[in-house]
Structures are given as C-alpha cells and as structure tokens.
C-alpha cells in the first residue's frame, strides 16, 4: 500500500492549534525563569516567530470570514431585489 501524499505546502505548515500550544509551552518555560540566558533568548526568538505565524493565520481566517459574510449579505440583498412585487 502506498502512503497518502500530502502537498508540500500543506506539509510544511503546522496547524494553528499546534503552533498555539507550542507558544504556550514557550511562555511557561520563560516564565519559570529556569532557562539560562542564552537558551531563554533562543526560546524567546522561536516564540516571536510562532506568534507572528499565529497572527498571520488569524488574519487570513478573519479575511475569509469577512469575505463569506460580505458574500452572504450580497446574496440576501439580491434575493430581496429578485422577489416579485405583490
């Protein structure tokens, strides 16, 4: 049996929930104060990167929702115009 292939673009991106969970873990590590400074800086840098990626995903999702809502509004307005006069 052959394994199902995942598109490279999809495989390279982890999902939002996974990134958010990793970001929360980073916050806990940094808040513990147990990391040496050099390690803390590396972990912080990774956290900043994850935060930016999560923010980008949220922005893209918000844009999609806005488009869907606008399309739904336009569809309902078109139905109002198409309704026969009584």
N, C-alpha and C. Protein backbone atom coordinates (compact mmCIF):
# COMPACT_ATOMS: atom_id res chain seq x y z
N UNK A 1 0.83 -1.19 0.00
CA UNK A 1 0.00 0.00 0.00
C UNK A 1 0.87 1.25 0.00
N UNK A 2 0.41 2.24 -0.72
CA UNK A 2 1.18 3.48 -0.75
C UNK A 2 0.58 4.48 0.24
N UNK A 3 1.45 5.28 0.81
CA UNK A 3 1.00 6.29 1.78
C UNK A 3 0.36 7.44 1.03
N UNK A 4 -0.62 8.04 1.65
CA UNK A 4 -1.29 9.20 1.06
C UNK A 4 -0.32 10.37 1.06
N UNK A 5 -0.15 11.00 -0.10
CA UNK A 5 0.78 12.12 -0.18
C UNK A 5 0.08 13.41 0.22
N UNK A 6 0.78 14.18 1.02
CA UNK A 6 0.29 15.49 1.46
C UNK A 6 1.03 16.53 0.64
N UNK A 7 0.32 17.51 0.08
CA UNK A 7 1.01 18.55 -0.68
C UNK A 7 2.11 19.21 0.15
N UNK A 8 3.22 19.52 -0.51
CA UNK A 8 4.38 20.08 0.19
C UNK A 8 4.03 21.35 0.96
N UNK A 9 3.20 22.22 0.36
CA UNK A 9 2.83 23.46 1.02
C UNK A 9 2.08 23.17 2.32
N UNK A 10 1.17 22.21 2.28
CA UNK A 10 0.40 21.86 3.46
C UNK A 10 1.28 21.17 4.49
N UNK A 11 2.17 20.30 4.05
CA UNK A 11 3.03 19.57 4.96
C UNK A 11 4.00 20.50 5.69
N UNK A 12 4.40 21.58 5.04
CA UNK A 12 5.37 22.49 5.66
C UNK A 12 4.74 23.38 6.72
N UNK A 13 3.44 23.50 6.71
CA UNK A 13 2.75 24.34 7.71
C UNK A 13 2.12 23.46 8.77
N UNK A 14 2.40 23.79 10.00
CA UNK A 14 1.68 23.11 11.07
C UNK A 14 0.41 23.90 11.32
N UNK A 15 -0.58 23.25 11.90
CA UNK A 15 -1.84 23.95 12.08
C UNK A 15 -1.79 24.94 13.24
N UNK A 16 -2.78 25.78 13.28
CA UNK A 16 -2.83 26.86 14.27
C UNK A 16 -2.79 26.33 15.69
N UNK A 17 -3.58 25.30 15.95
CA UNK A 17 -3.66 24.77 17.31
C UNK A 17 -2.31 24.24 17.79
N UNK A 18 -1.58 23.58 16.91
CA UNK A 18 -0.26 23.06 17.26
C UNK A 18 0.70 24.19 17.58
N UNK A 19 0.68 25.22 16.75
CA UNK A 19 1.57 26.36 16.98
C UNK A 19 1.21 27.10 18.25
N UNK A 20 -0.08 27.26 18.50
CA UNK A 20 -0.52 27.95 19.71
C UNK A 20 -0.11 27.16 20.95
N UNK A 21 -0.25 25.85 20.89
CA UNK A 21 0.16 25.00 22.01
C UNK A 21 1.65 25.12 22.27
N UNK A 22 2.43 25.13 21.20
CA UNK A 22 3.89 25.28 21.34
C UNK A 22 4.23 26.65 21.92
N UNK A 23 3.51 27.66 21.49
CA UNK A 23 3.74 29.01 22.01
C UNK A 23 3.42 29.09 23.50
N UNK A 24 2.35 28.44 23.92
CA UNK A 24 2.01 28.41 25.33
C UNK A 24 3.10 27.71 26.15
N UNK A 25 3.66 26.65 25.59
CA UNK A 25 4.76 25.93 26.25
C UNK A 25 5.98 26.83 26.40
N UNK A 26 6.26 27.61 25.39
CA UNK A 26 7.39 28.54 25.43
C UNK A 26 7.18 29.58 26.52
N UNK A 27 5.96 30.11 26.60
CA UNK A 27 5.65 31.10 27.63
C UNK A 27 5.90 30.51 29.01
N UNK A 28 5.43 29.28 29.22
CA UNK A 28 5.63 28.62 30.51
C UNK A 28 7.13 28.45 30.83
N UNK A 29 7.90 28.06 29.81
CA UNK A 29 9.35 27.89 30.02
C UNK A 29 9.99 29.22 30.42
N UNK A 30 9.63 30.27 29.72
CA UNK A 30 10.22 31.58 30.01
C UNK A 30 9.77 32.11 31.37
N UNK A 31 8.51 31.89 31.71
CA UNK A 31 8.01 32.36 33.00
C UNK A 31 8.62 31.60 34.17
N UNK A 32 9.06 30.37 33.93
CA UNK A 32 9.65 29.59 35.02
C UNK A 32 10.96 30.20 35.49
N UNK A 33 11.65 30.90 34.60
CA UNK A 33 12.92 31.53 34.95
C UNK A 33 14.06 30.54 35.14
N UNK A 34 13.87 29.31 34.71
CA UNK A 34 14.89 28.28 34.92
C UNK A 34 15.86 28.13 33.75
N UNK A 35 15.58 28.79 32.64
CA UNK A 35 16.46 28.66 31.47
C UNK A 35 17.66 29.60 31.59
N UNK A 36 18.83 29.12 31.19
CA UNK A 36 19.98 30.03 31.11
C UNK A 36 19.68 31.13 30.08
N UNK A 37 20.30 32.26 30.23
CA UNK A 37 20.01 33.42 29.38
C UNK A 37 20.08 33.08 27.90
N UNK A 38 21.13 32.40 27.47
CA UNK A 38 21.30 32.09 26.05
C UNK A 38 20.15 31.22 25.54
N UNK A 39 19.77 30.22 26.32
CA UNK A 39 18.66 29.35 25.94
C UNK A 39 17.34 30.12 25.94
N UNK A 40 17.18 30.98 26.94
CA UNK A 40 15.96 31.79 27.03
C UNK A 40 15.82 32.69 25.80
N UNK A 41 16.91 33.24 25.33
CA UNK A 41 16.87 34.10 24.13
C UNK A 41 16.47 33.29 22.90
N UNK A 42 17.00 32.08 22.77
CA UNK A 42 16.64 31.23 21.63
C UNK A 42 15.17 30.85 21.68
N UNK A 43 14.70 30.49 22.87
CA UNK A 43 13.30 30.11 23.04
C UNK A 43 12.40 31.32 22.78
N UNK A 44 12.81 32.48 23.27
CA UNK A 44 12.04 33.71 23.05
C UNK A 44 11.94 34.01 21.55
N UNK A 45 13.05 33.87 20.84
CA UNK A 45 13.07 34.12 19.39
C UNK A 45 12.09 33.17 18.68
N UNK A 46 12.09 31.92 19.08
CA UNK A 46 11.16 30.96 18.49
C UNK A 46 9.72 31.36 18.81
N UNK A 47 9.49 31.83 20.03
CA UNK A 47 8.16 32.28 20.42
C UNK A 47 7.67 33.45 19.59
N UNK A 48 8.56 34.39 19.32
CA UNK A 48 8.20 35.55 18.50
C UNK A 48 7.80 35.07 17.10
N UNK A 49 8.57 34.15 16.56
CA UNK A 49 8.28 33.61 15.22
C UNK A 49 6.92 32.91 15.22
N UNK A 50 6.67 32.09 16.22
CA UNK A 50 5.38 31.40 16.31
C UNK A 50 4.23 32.38 16.47
N UNK A 51 4.45 33.40 17.28
CA UNK A 51 3.43 34.42 17.49
C UNK A 51 3.07 35.11 16.17
N UNK A 52 4.07 35.44 15.39
CA UNK A 52 3.82 36.08 14.09
C UNK A 52 3.07 35.15 13.15
N UNK A 53 3.45 33.87 13.15
CA UNK A 53 2.77 32.90 12.29
C UNK A 53 1.31 32.74 12.71
N UNK A 54 1.07 32.66 14.01
CA UNK A 54 -0.32 32.55 14.51
C UNK A 54 -1.11 33.79 14.14
N UNK A 55 -0.52 34.95 14.29
CA UNK A 55 -1.21 36.20 13.94
C UNK A 55 -1.54 36.23 12.45
N UNK A 56 -0.63 35.76 11.62
CA UNK A 56 -0.87 35.70 10.17
C UNK A 56 -2.04 34.77 9.86
N UNK A 57 -2.07 33.60 10.52
CA UNK A 57 -3.17 32.66 10.30
C UNK A 57 -4.50 33.25 10.74
N UNK A 58 -4.49 33.95 11.88
CA UNK A 58 -5.72 34.59 12.35
C UNK A 58 -6.18 35.68 11.38
N UNK A 59 -5.25 36.44 10.85
CA UNK A 59 -5.60 37.49 9.89
C UNK A 59 -6.21 36.90 8.63
N UNK A 60 -5.62 35.80 8.15
CA UNK A 60 -6.15 35.14 6.96
C UNK A 60 -7.55 34.58 7.22
N UNK A 61 -7.75 34.00 8.39
CA UNK A 61 -9.07 33.47 8.74
C UNK A 61 -10.08 34.60 8.83
N UNK A 62 -9.68 35.71 9.42
CA UNK A 62 -10.58 36.86 9.54
C UNK A 62 -10.96 37.39 8.16
N UNK A 63 -10.01 37.44 7.24
CA UNK A 63 -10.31 37.88 5.87
C UNK A 63 -11.32 36.95 5.20
N UNK A 64 -11.14 35.64 5.40
CA UNK A 64 -12.06 34.67 4.81
C UNK A 64 -13.46 34.84 5.38
N UNK A 65 -13.55 35.04 6.69
CA UNK A 65 -14.86 35.24 7.32
C UNK A 65 -15.51 36.51 6.79
N UNK A 66 -14.74 37.56 6.66
CA UNK A 66 -15.27 38.83 6.13
C UNK A 66 -15.81 38.64 4.72
N UNK A 67 -15.05 37.94 3.89
CA UNK A 67 -15.48 37.69 2.51
C UNK A 67 -16.76 36.87 2.49
N UNK A 68 -16.81 35.83 3.31
CA UNK A 68 -18.01 34.99 3.37
C UNK A 68 -19.22 35.78 3.85
N UNK A 69 -19.02 36.61 4.87
CA UNK A 69 -20.13 37.41 5.39
C UNK A 69 -20.59 38.43 4.35
N UNK A 70 -19.64 39.05 3.64
CA UNK A 70 -20.00 40.01 2.60
C UNK A 70 -20.77 39.31 1.48
N UNK A 71 -20.31 38.12 1.09
CA UNK A 71 -21.00 37.37 0.03
C UNK A 71 -22.40 36.99 0.48
N UNK A 72 -22.54 36.58 1.73
CA UNK A 72 -23.85 36.22 2.26
C UNK A 72 -24.78 37.43 2.27
N UNK A 73 -24.26 38.57 2.65
CA UNK A 73 -25.04 39.80 2.67
C UNK A 73 -25.48 40.17 1.26
N UNK A 74 -24.56 40.07 0.29
CA UNK A 74 -24.89 40.39 -1.09
C UNK A 74 -25.94 39.42 -1.63
N UNK A 75 -25.81 38.13 -1.29
CA UNK A 75 -26.78 37.14 -1.75
C UNK A 75 -28.17 37.45 -1.20
N UNK A 76 -28.24 37.82 0.07
CA UNK A 76 -29.55 38.11 0.67
C UNK A 76 -30.13 39.38 0.07
N UNK A 77 -29.29 40.36 -0.26
CA UNK A 77 -29.79 41.59 -0.89
C UNK A 77 -30.29 41.30 -2.30
N UNK A 78 -29.60 40.43 -3.02
CA UNK A 78 -30.03 40.06 -4.37
C UNK A 78 -31.37 39.34 -4.30
N UNK A 79 -31.57 38.51 -3.31
CA UNK A 79 -32.83 37.80 -3.17
C UNK A 79 -33.95 38.79 -2.88
N UNK A 80 -33.65 39.83 -2.10
CA UNK A 80 -34.67 40.85 -1.82
C UNK A 80 -35.07 41.57 -3.11
N UNK A 81 -34.10 41.85 -3.99
CA UNK A 81 -34.39 42.54 -5.24
C UNK A 81 -35.11 41.63 -6.23
N UNK A 82 -34.82 40.34 -6.17
CA UNK A 82 -35.42 39.40 -7.10
C UNK A 82 -36.84 38.98 -6.71
N UNK A 83 -37.25 39.31 -5.50
CA UNK A 83 -38.58 38.90 -5.04
C UNK A 83 -39.64 39.66 -5.82
N UNK A 84 -40.66 38.93 -6.27
CA UNK A 84 -41.71 39.60 -7.06
C UNK A 84 -42.54 40.54 -6.19
N UNK A 85 -42.96 41.62 -6.79
CA UNK A 85 -43.82 42.59 -6.08
C UNK A 85 -45.22 42.03 -6.00
N UNK A 86 -45.84 42.21 -4.87
CA UNK A 86 -47.22 41.70 -4.70
C UNK A 86 -48.20 42.83 -4.70
